Amino acid sequence: MDWEKQVVRRVMEGAGEYPSVQLQCLLQRLEGCPEALPHIADAIRDMGHWYERHADELEAEGRRRAGGAEIITLQD
């Protein structure tokens, strides 16, 4: 089965305003299907890479807005 075309695309098309929530629910349901597990792992890794890139972009935007100043992590 071509998971990207048959499953993921359909979920994303019907997801409306919150596609990430719909996709997460789909992945959780598919965890019961052994043949889906490698595809789920790939999708989770892809999502992780996207979040890393997004975080890098946000940090860069923060530096730009701060005039190039160093951004430090606040501790609790």
PDB file of N, CA and C in Angstrom:
ATOM      1  N   MET A   1       0.851  -1.182   0.000  1.00  0.00           N
ATOM      2  CA  MET A   1       0.000   0.000   0.000  1.00  0.00           C
ATOM      3  C   MET A   1       0.892   1.239   0.000  1.00  0.00           C
ATOM      4  N   ASP A   2       0.548   2.192  -0.797  1.00  0.00           N
ATOM      5  CA  ASP A   2       1.282   3.455  -0.824  1.00  0.00           C
ATOM      6  C   ASP A   2       0.670   4.363   0.242  1.00  0.00           C
ATOM      7  N   TRP A   3       1.289   4.370   1.427  1.00  0.00           N
ATOM      8  CA  TRP A   3       0.730   5.092   2.570  1.00  0.00           C
ATOM      9  C   TRP A   3       0.590   6.580   2.307  1.00  0.00           C
ATOM     10  N   GLU A   4       1.556   7.145   1.602  1.00  0.00           N
ATOM     11  CA  GLU A   4       1.500   8.590   1.370  1.00  0.00           C
ATOM     12  C   GLU A   4       0.283   8.961   0.541  1.00  0.00           C
ATOM     13  N   LYS A   5       0.019   8.191  -0.515  1.00  0.00           N
ATOM     14  CA  LYS A   5      -1.104   8.523  -1.396  1.00  0.00           C
ATOM     15  C   LYS A   5      -2.434   8.039  -0.843  1.00  0.00           C
ATOM     16  N   GLN A   6      -2.455   6.854  -0.279  1.00  0.00           N
ATOM     17  CA  GLN A   6      -3.718   6.241   0.113  1.00  0.00           C
ATOM     18  C   GLN A   6      -4.224   6.718   1.472  1.00  0.00           C
ATOM     19  N   VAL A   7      -3.318   7.016   2.369  1.00  0.00           N
ATOM     20  CA  VAL A   7      -3.735   7.307   3.735  1.00  0.00           C
ATOM     21  C   VAL A   7      -3.426   8.746   4.134  1.00  0.00           C
ATOM     22  N   VAL A   8      -2.152   9.092   4.118  1.00  0.00           N
ATOM     23  CA  VAL A   8      -1.739  10.396   4.634  1.00  0.00           C
ATOM     24  C   VAL A   8      -2.376  11.531   3.847  1.00  0.00           C
ATOM     25  N   ARG A   9      -2.348  11.454   2.528  1.00  0.00           N
ATOM     26  CA  ARG A   9      -2.907  12.530   1.710  1.00  0.00           C
ATOM     27  C   ARG A   9      -4.386  12.727   2.007  1.00  0.00           C
ATOM     28  N   ARG A  10      -5.127  11.629   2.126  1.00  0.00           N
ATOM     29  CA  ARG A  10      -6.564  11.747   2.400  1.00  0.00           C
ATOM     30  C   ARG A  10      -6.832  12.393   3.752  1.00  0.00           C
ATOM     31  N   VAL A  11      -6.035  12.019   4.738  1.00  0.00           N
ATOM     32  CA  VAL A  11      -6.216  12.617   6.064  1.00  0.00           C
ATOM     33  C   VAL A  11      -5.905  14.107   6.015  1.00  0.00           C
ATOM     34  N   MET A  12      -4.802  14.465   5.355  1.00  0.00           N
ATOM     35  CA  MET A  12      -4.412  15.868   5.286  1.00  0.00           C
ATOM     36  C   MET A  12      -5.448  16.691   4.525  1.00  0.00           C
ATOM     37  N   GLU A  13      -6.024  16.135   3.469  1.00  0.00           N
ATOM     38  CA  GLU A  13      -7.038  16.863   2.703  1.00  0.00           C
ATOM     39  C   GLU A  13      -8.282  17.120   3.539  1.00  0.00           C
ATOM     40  N   GLY A  14      -8.639  16.169   4.385  1.00  0.00           N
ATOM     41  CA  GLY A  14      -9.851  16.310   5.178  1.00  0.00           C
ATOM     42  C   GLY A  14      -9.629  16.895   6.554  1.00  0.00           C
ATOM     43  N   ALA A  15      -8.402  17.264   6.868  1.00  0.00           N
ATOM     44  CA  ALA A  15      -8.069  17.683   8.227  1.00  0.00           C
ATOM     45  C   ALA A  15      -8.569  19.076   8.580  1.00  0.00           C
ATOM     46  N   GLY A  16      -8.781  19.894   7.591  1.00  0.00           N
ATOM     47  CA  GLY A  16      -9.260  21.236   7.887  1.00  0.00           C
ATOM     48  C   GLY A  16      -8.216  22.091   8.558  1.00  0.00           C
ATOM     49  N   GLU A  17      -8.624  22.742   9.641  1.00  0.00           N
ATOM     50  CA  GLU A  17      -7.784  23.739  10.302  1.00  0.00           C
ATOM     51  C   GLU A  17      -6.638  23.142  11.128  1.00  0.00           C
ATOM     52  N   TYR A  18      -6.760  21.894  11.545  1.00  0.00           N
ATOM     53  CA  TYR A  18      -5.758  21.291  12.432  1.00  0.00           C
ATOM     54  C   TYR A  18      -5.199  19.990  11.856  1.00  0.00           C
ATOM     55  N   PRO A  19      -4.461  20.060  10.748  1.00  0.00           N
ATOM     56  CA  PRO A  19      -3.974  18.829  10.117  1.00  0.00           C
ATOM     57  C   PRO A  19      -3.017  18.032  10.989  1.00  0.00           C
ATOM     58  N   SER A  20      -2.222  18.685  11.817  1.00  0.00           N
ATOM     59  CA  SER A  20      -1.268  17.932  12.640  1.00  0.00           C
ATOM     60  C   SER A  20      -1.989  17.069  13.671  1.00  0.00           C
ATOM     61  N   VAL A  21      -3.101  17.559  14.201  1.00  0.00           N
ATOM     62  CA  VAL A  21      -3.872  16.781  15.171  1.00  0.00           C
ATOM     63  C   VAL A  21      -4.492  15.571  14.485  1.00  0.00           C
ATOM     64  N   GLN A  22      -5.058  15.780  13.312  1.00  0.00           N
ATOM     65  CA  GLN A  22      -5.667  14.681  12.571  1.00  0.00           C
ATOM     66  C   GLN A  22      -4.628  13.632  12.213  1.00  0.00           C
ATOM     67  N   LEU A  23      -3.458  14.077  11.781  1.00  0.00           N
ATOM     68  CA  LEU A  23      -2.406  13.147  11.404  1.00  0.00           C
ATOM     69  C   LEU A  23      -1.929  12.364  12.622  1.00  0.00           C
ATOM     70  N   GLN A  24      -1.789  13.013  13.759  1.00  0.00           N
ATOM     71  CA  GLN A  24      -1.378  12.318  14.985  1.00  0.00           C
ATOM     72  C   GLN A  24      -2.397  11.252  15.361  1.00  0.00           C
ATOM     73  N   CYS A  25      -3.673  11.568  15.276  1.00  0.00           N
ATOM     74  CA  CYS A  25      -4.719  10.583  15.583  1.00  0.00           C
ATOM     75  C   CYS A  25      -4.647   9.405  14.624  1.00  0.00           C
ATOM     76  N   LEU A  26      -4.436   9.681  13.362  1.00  0.00           N
ATOM     77  CA  LEU A  26      -4.310   8.617  12.369  1.00  0.00           C
ATOM     78  C   LEU A  26      -3.125   7.719  12.698  1.00  0.00           C
ATOM     79  N   LEU A  27      -1.990   8.315  13.009  1.00  0.00           N
ATOM     80  CA  LEU A  27      -0.800   7.526  13.323  1.00  0.00           C
ATOM     81  C   LEU A  27      -1.036   6.645  14.543  1.00  0.00           C
ATOM     82  N   GLN A  28      -1.711   7.160  15.543  1.00  0.00           N
ATOM     83  CA  GLN A  28      -1.987   6.357  16.733  1.00  0.00           C
ATOM     84  C   GLN A  28      -2.894   5.178  16.404  1.00  0.00           C
ATOM     85  N   ARG A  29      -3.883   5.383  15.550  1.00  0.00           N
ATOM     86  CA  ARG A  29      -4.762   4.280  15.167  1.00  0.00           C
ATOM     87  C   ARG A  29      -4.010   3.229  14.360  1.00  0.00           C
ATOM     88  N   LEU A  30      -3.110   3.676  13.503  1.00  0.00           N
ATOM     89  CA  LEU A  30      -2.386   2.746  12.641  1.00  0.00           C
ATOM     90  C   LEU A  30      -1.304   1.961  13.376  1.00  0.00           C
ATOM     91  N   GLU A  31      -0.967   2.357  14.602  1.00  0.00           N
ATOM     92  CA  GLU A  31       0.064   1.643  15.348  1.00  0.00           C
ATOM     93  C   GLU A  31      -0.308   0.186  15.591  1.00  0.00           C
ATOM     94  N   GLY A  32      -1.573  -0.147  15.491  1.00  0.00           N
ATOM     95  CA  GLY A  32      -2.012  -1.533  15.644  1.00  0.00           C
ATOM     96  C   GLY A  32      -1.770  -2.382  14.417  1.00  0.00           C
ATOM     97  N   CYS A  33      -1.360  -1.783  13.318  1.00  0.00           N
ATOM     98  CA  CYS A  33      -1.102  -2.509  12.068  1.00  0.00           C
ATOM     99  C   CYS A  33       0.404  -2.691  11.907  1.00  0.00           C
ATOM    100  N   PRO A  34       0.911  -3.926  12.058  1.00  0.00           N
ATOM    101  CA  PRO A  34       2.361  -4.137  11.979  1.00  0.00           C
ATOM    102  C   PRO A  34       2.995  -3.613  10.696  1.00  0.00           C
ATOM    103  N   GLU A  35       2.302  -3.730   9.572  1.00  0.00           N
ATOM    104  CA  GLU A  35       2.891  -3.264   8.311  1.00  0.00           C
ATOM    105  C   GLU A  35       2.986  -1.746   8.237  1.00  0.00           C
ATOM    106  N   ALA A  36       2.266  -1.060   9.106  1.00  0.00           N
ATOM    107  CA  ALA A  36       2.288   0.407   9.107  1.00  0.00           C
ATOM    108  C   ALA A  36       3.408   0.974   9.971  1.00  0.00           C
ATOM    109  N   LEU A  37       3.946   0.182  10.886  1.00  0.00           N
ATOM    110  CA  LEU A  37       4.908   0.708  11.855  1.00  0.00           C
ATOM    111  C   LEU A  37       6.128   1.372  11.231  1.00  0.00           C
ATOM    112  N   PRO A  38       6.770   0.800  10.203  1.00  0.00           N
ATOM    113  CA  PRO A  38       7.911   1.508   9.601  1.00  0.00           C
ATOM    114  C   PRO A  38       7.511   2.854   9.001  1.00  0.00           C
ATOM    115  N   HIS A  39       6.321   2.928   8.442  1.00  0.00           N
ATOM    116  CA  HIS A  39       5.850   4.176   7.845  1.00  0.00           C
ATOM    117  C   HIS A  39       5.546   5.213   8.924  1.00  0.00           C
ATOM    118  N   ILE A  40       5.002   4.748  10.040  1.00  0.00           N
ATOM    119  CA  ILE A  40       4.732   5.652  11.151  1.00  0.00           C
ATOM    120  C   ILE A  40       6.042   6.212  11.694  1.00  0.00           C
ATOM    121  N   ALA A  41       7.031   5.347  11.859  1.00  0.00           N
ATOM    122  CA  ALA A  41       8.337   5.797  12.350  1.00  0.00           C
ATOM    123  C   ALA A  41       8.929   6.840  11.412  1.00  0.00           C
ATOM    124  N   ASP A  42       8.827   6.612  10.099  1.00  0.00           N
ATOM    125  CA  ASP A  42       9.326   7.588   9.122  1.00  0.00           C
ATOM    126  C   ASP A  42       8.596   8.920   9.255  1.00  0.00           C
ATOM    127  N   ALA A  43       7.273   8.857   9.406  1.00  0.00           N
ATOM    128  CA  ALA A  43       6.477  10.084   9.521  1.00  0.00           C
ATOM    129  C   ALA A  43       6.855  10.863  10.779  1.00  0.00           C
ATOM    130  N   ILE A  44       7.066  10.157  11.879  1.00  0.00           N
ATOM    131  CA  ILE A  44       7.440  10.828  13.126  1.00  0.00           C
ATOM    132  C   ILE A  44       8.811  11.474  12.992  1.00  0.00           C
ATOM    133  N   ARG A  45       9.746  10.778  12.345  1.00  0.00           N
ATOM    134  CA  ARG A  45      11.076  11.369  12.117  1.00  0.00           C
ATOM    135  C   ARG A  45      10.968  12.620  11.242  1.00  0.00           C
ATOM    136  N   ASP A  46      10.148  12.539  10.184  1.00  0.00           N
ATOM    137  CA  ASP A  46       9.954  13.703   9.316  1.00  0.00           C
ATOM    138  C   ASP A  46       9.394  14.876  10.109  1.00  0.00           C
ATOM    139  N   MET A  47       8.425  14.605  10.981  1.00  0.00           N
ATOM    140  CA  MET A  47       7.834  15.661  11.798  1.00  0.00           C
ATOM    141  C   MET A  47       8.886  16.251  12.729  1.00  0.00           C
ATOM    142  N   GLY A  48       9.738  15.397  13.287  1.00  0.00           N
ATOM    143  CA  GLY A  48      10.805  15.868  14.167  1.00  0.00           C
ATOM    144  C   GLY A  48      11.771  16.784  13.441  1.00  0.00           C
ATOM    145  N   HIS A  49      12.134  16.400  12.202  1.00  0.00           N
ATOM    146  CA  HIS A  49      13.029  17.240  11.400  1.00  0.00           C
ATOM    147  C   HIS A  49      12.369  18.585  11.106  1.00  0.00           C
ATOM    148  N   TRP A  50      11.068  18.565  10.807  1.00  0.00           N
ATOM    149  CA  TRP A  50      10.354  19.813  10.531  1.00  0.00           C
ATOM    150  C   TRP A  50      10.381  20.713  11.767  1.00  0.00           C
ATOM    151  N   TYR A  51      10.114  20.136  12.951  1.00  0.00           N
ATOM    152  CA  TYR A  51      10.124  20.935  14.176  1.00  0.00           C
ATOM    153  C   TYR A  51      11.503  21.518  14.451  1.00  0.00           C
ATOM    154  N   GLU A  52      12.560  20.758  14.186  1.00  0.00           N
ATOM    155  CA  GLU A  52      13.925  21.271  14.366  1.00  0.00           C
ATOM    156  C   GLU A  52      14.177  22.476  13.456  1.00  0.00           C
ATOM    157  N   ARG A  53      13.799  22.347  12.177  1.00  0.00           N
ATOM    158  CA  ARG A  53      13.985  23.457  11.234  1.00  0.00           C
ATOM    159  C   ARG A  53      13.172  24.672  11.670  1.00  0.00           C
ATOM    160  N   HIS A  54      11.940  24.426  12.097  1.00  0.00           N
ATOM    161  CA  HIS A  54      11.077  25.520  12.527  1.00  0.00           C
ATOM    162  C   HIS A  54      11.675  26.227  13.749  1.00  0.00           C
ATOM    163  N   ALA A  55      12.187  25.457  14.698  1.00  0.00           N
ATOM    164  CA  ALA A  55      12.823  26.052  15.882  1.00  0.00           C
ATOM    165  C   ALA A  55      14.034  26.884  15.482  1.00  0.00           C
ATOM    166  N   ASP A  56      14.846  26.383  14.554  1.00  0.00           N
ATOM    167  CA  ASP A  56      16.007  27.138  14.077  1.00  0.00           C
ATOM    168  C   ASP A  56      15.577  28.459  13.440  1.00  0.00           C
ATOM    169  N   GLU A  57      14.498  28.407  12.650  1.00  0.00           N
ATOM    170  CA  GLU A  57      13.994  29.620  12.006  1.00  0.00           C
ATOM    171  C   GLU A  57      13.492  30.626  13.044  1.00  0.00           C
ATOM    172  N   LEU A  58      12.815  30.129  14.074  1.00  0.00           N
ATOM    173  CA  LEU A  58      12.332  31.025  15.127  1.00  0.00           C
ATOM    174  C   LEU A  58      13.484  31.668  15.884  1.00  0.00           C
ATOM    175  N   GLU A  59      14.519  30.892  16.176  1.00  0.00           N
ATOM    176  CA  GLU A  59      15.688  31.459  16.852  1.00  0.00           C
ATOM    177  C   GLU A  59      16.353  32.520  15.983  1.00  0.00           C
ATOM    178  N   ALA A  60      16.470  32.249  14.687  1.00  0.00           N
ATOM    179  CA  ALA A  60      17.074  33.218  13.773  1.00  0.00           C
ATOM    180  C   ALA A  60      16.235  34.492  13.706  1.00  0.00           C
ATOM    181  N   GLU A  61      14.921  34.336  13.679  1.00  0.00           N
ATOM    182  CA  GLU A  61      14.033  35.504  13.662  1.00  0.00           C
ATOM    183  C   GLU A  61      14.177  36.302  14.954  1.00  0.00           C
ATOM    184  N   GLY A  62      14.295  35.609  16.076  1.00  0.00           N
ATOM    185  CA  GLY A  62      14.497  36.293  17.356  1.00  0.00           C
ATOM    186  C   GLY A  62      15.794  37.085  17.368  1.00  0.00           C
ATOM    187  N   ARG A  63      16.859  36.495  16.830  1.00  0.00           N
ATOM    188  CA  ARG A  63      18.141  37.214  16.754  1.00  0.00           C
ATOM    189  C   ARG A  63      18.021  38.428  15.842  1.00  0.00           C
ATOM    190  N   ARG A  64      17.323  38.251  14.712  1.00  0.00           N
ATOM    191  CA  ARG A  64      17.158  39.363  13.779  1.00  0.00           C
ATOM    192  C   ARG A  64      16.402  40.509  14.448  1.00  0.00           C
ATOM    193  N   ARG A  65      15.330  40.183  15.140  1.00  0.00           N
ATOM    194  CA  ARG A  65      14.529  41.215  15.808  1.00  0.00           C
ATOM    195  C   ARG A  65      15.288  41.876  16.949  1.00  0.00           C
ATOM    196  N   ALA A  66      16.213  41.146  17.549  1.00  0.00           N
ATOM    197  CA  ALA A  66      17.004  41.696  18.654  1.00  0.00           C
ATOM    198  C   ALA A  66      18.241  42.417  18.138  1.00  0.00           C
ATOM    199  N   GLY A  67      18.314  42.627  16.840  1.00  0.00           N
ATOM    200  CA  GLY A  67      19.458  43.324  16.264  1.00  0.00           C
ATOM    201  C   GLY A  67      20.732  42.510  16.309  1.00  0.00           C
ATOM    202  N   GLY A  68      20.593  41.197  16.273  1.00  0.00           N
ATOM    203  CA  GLY A  68      21.757  40.321  16.268  1.00  0.00           C
ATOM    204  C   GLY A  68      22.248  39.951  17.650  1.00  0.00           C
ATOM    205  N   ALA A  69      21.535  40.385  18.680  1.00  0.00           N
ATOM    206  CA  ALA A  69      21.959  40.073  20.049  1.00  0.00           C
ATOM    207  C   ALA A  69      21.836  38.579  20.320  1.00  0.00           C
ATOM    208  N   GLU A  70      22.643  38.117  21.227  1.00  0.00           N
ATOM    209  CA  GLU A  70      22.618  36.700  21.613  1.00  0.00           C
ATOM    210  C   GLU A  70      21.349  36.404  22.401  1.00  0.00           C
ATOM    211  N   ILE A  71      20.715  35.289  22.085  1.00  0.00           N
ATOM    212  CA  ILE A  71      19.529  34.866  22.826  1.00  0.00           C
ATOM    213  C   ILE A  71      19.970  33.788  23.805  1.00  0.00           C
ATOM    214  N   ILE A  72      19.622  33.964  25.084  1.00  0.00           N
ATOM    215  CA  ILE A  72      20.013  32.976  26.084  1.00  0.00           C
ATOM    216  C   ILE A  72      18.782  32.236  26.578  1.00  0.00           C
ATOM    217  N   THR A  73      18.998  31.026  27.053  1.00  0.00           N
ATOM    218  CA  THR A  73      17.916  30.229  27.602  1.00  0.00           C
ATOM    219  C   THR A  73      17.710  30.611  29.056  1.00  0.00           C
ATOM    220  N   LEU A  74      16.477  30.921  29.415  1.00  0.00           N
ATOM    221  CA  LEU A  74      16.157  31.249  30.802  1.00  0.00           C
ATOM    222  C   LEU A  74      15.970  29.963  31.585  1.00  0.00           C
ATOM    223  N   GLN A  75      16.505  29.921  32.792  1.00  0.00           N
ATOM    224  CA  GLN A  75      16.364  28.746  33.634  1.00  0.00           C
ATOM    225  C   GLN A  75      15.233  28.961  34.613  1.00  0.00           C
ATOM    226  N   ASP A  76      14.633  27.845  35.029  1.00  0.00           N
ATOM    227  CA  ASP A  76      13.524  27.908  35.997  1.00  0.00           C
ATOM    228  C   ASP A  76      13.985  28.408  37.332  1.00  0.00           C
TER     229      ASP A  76
END
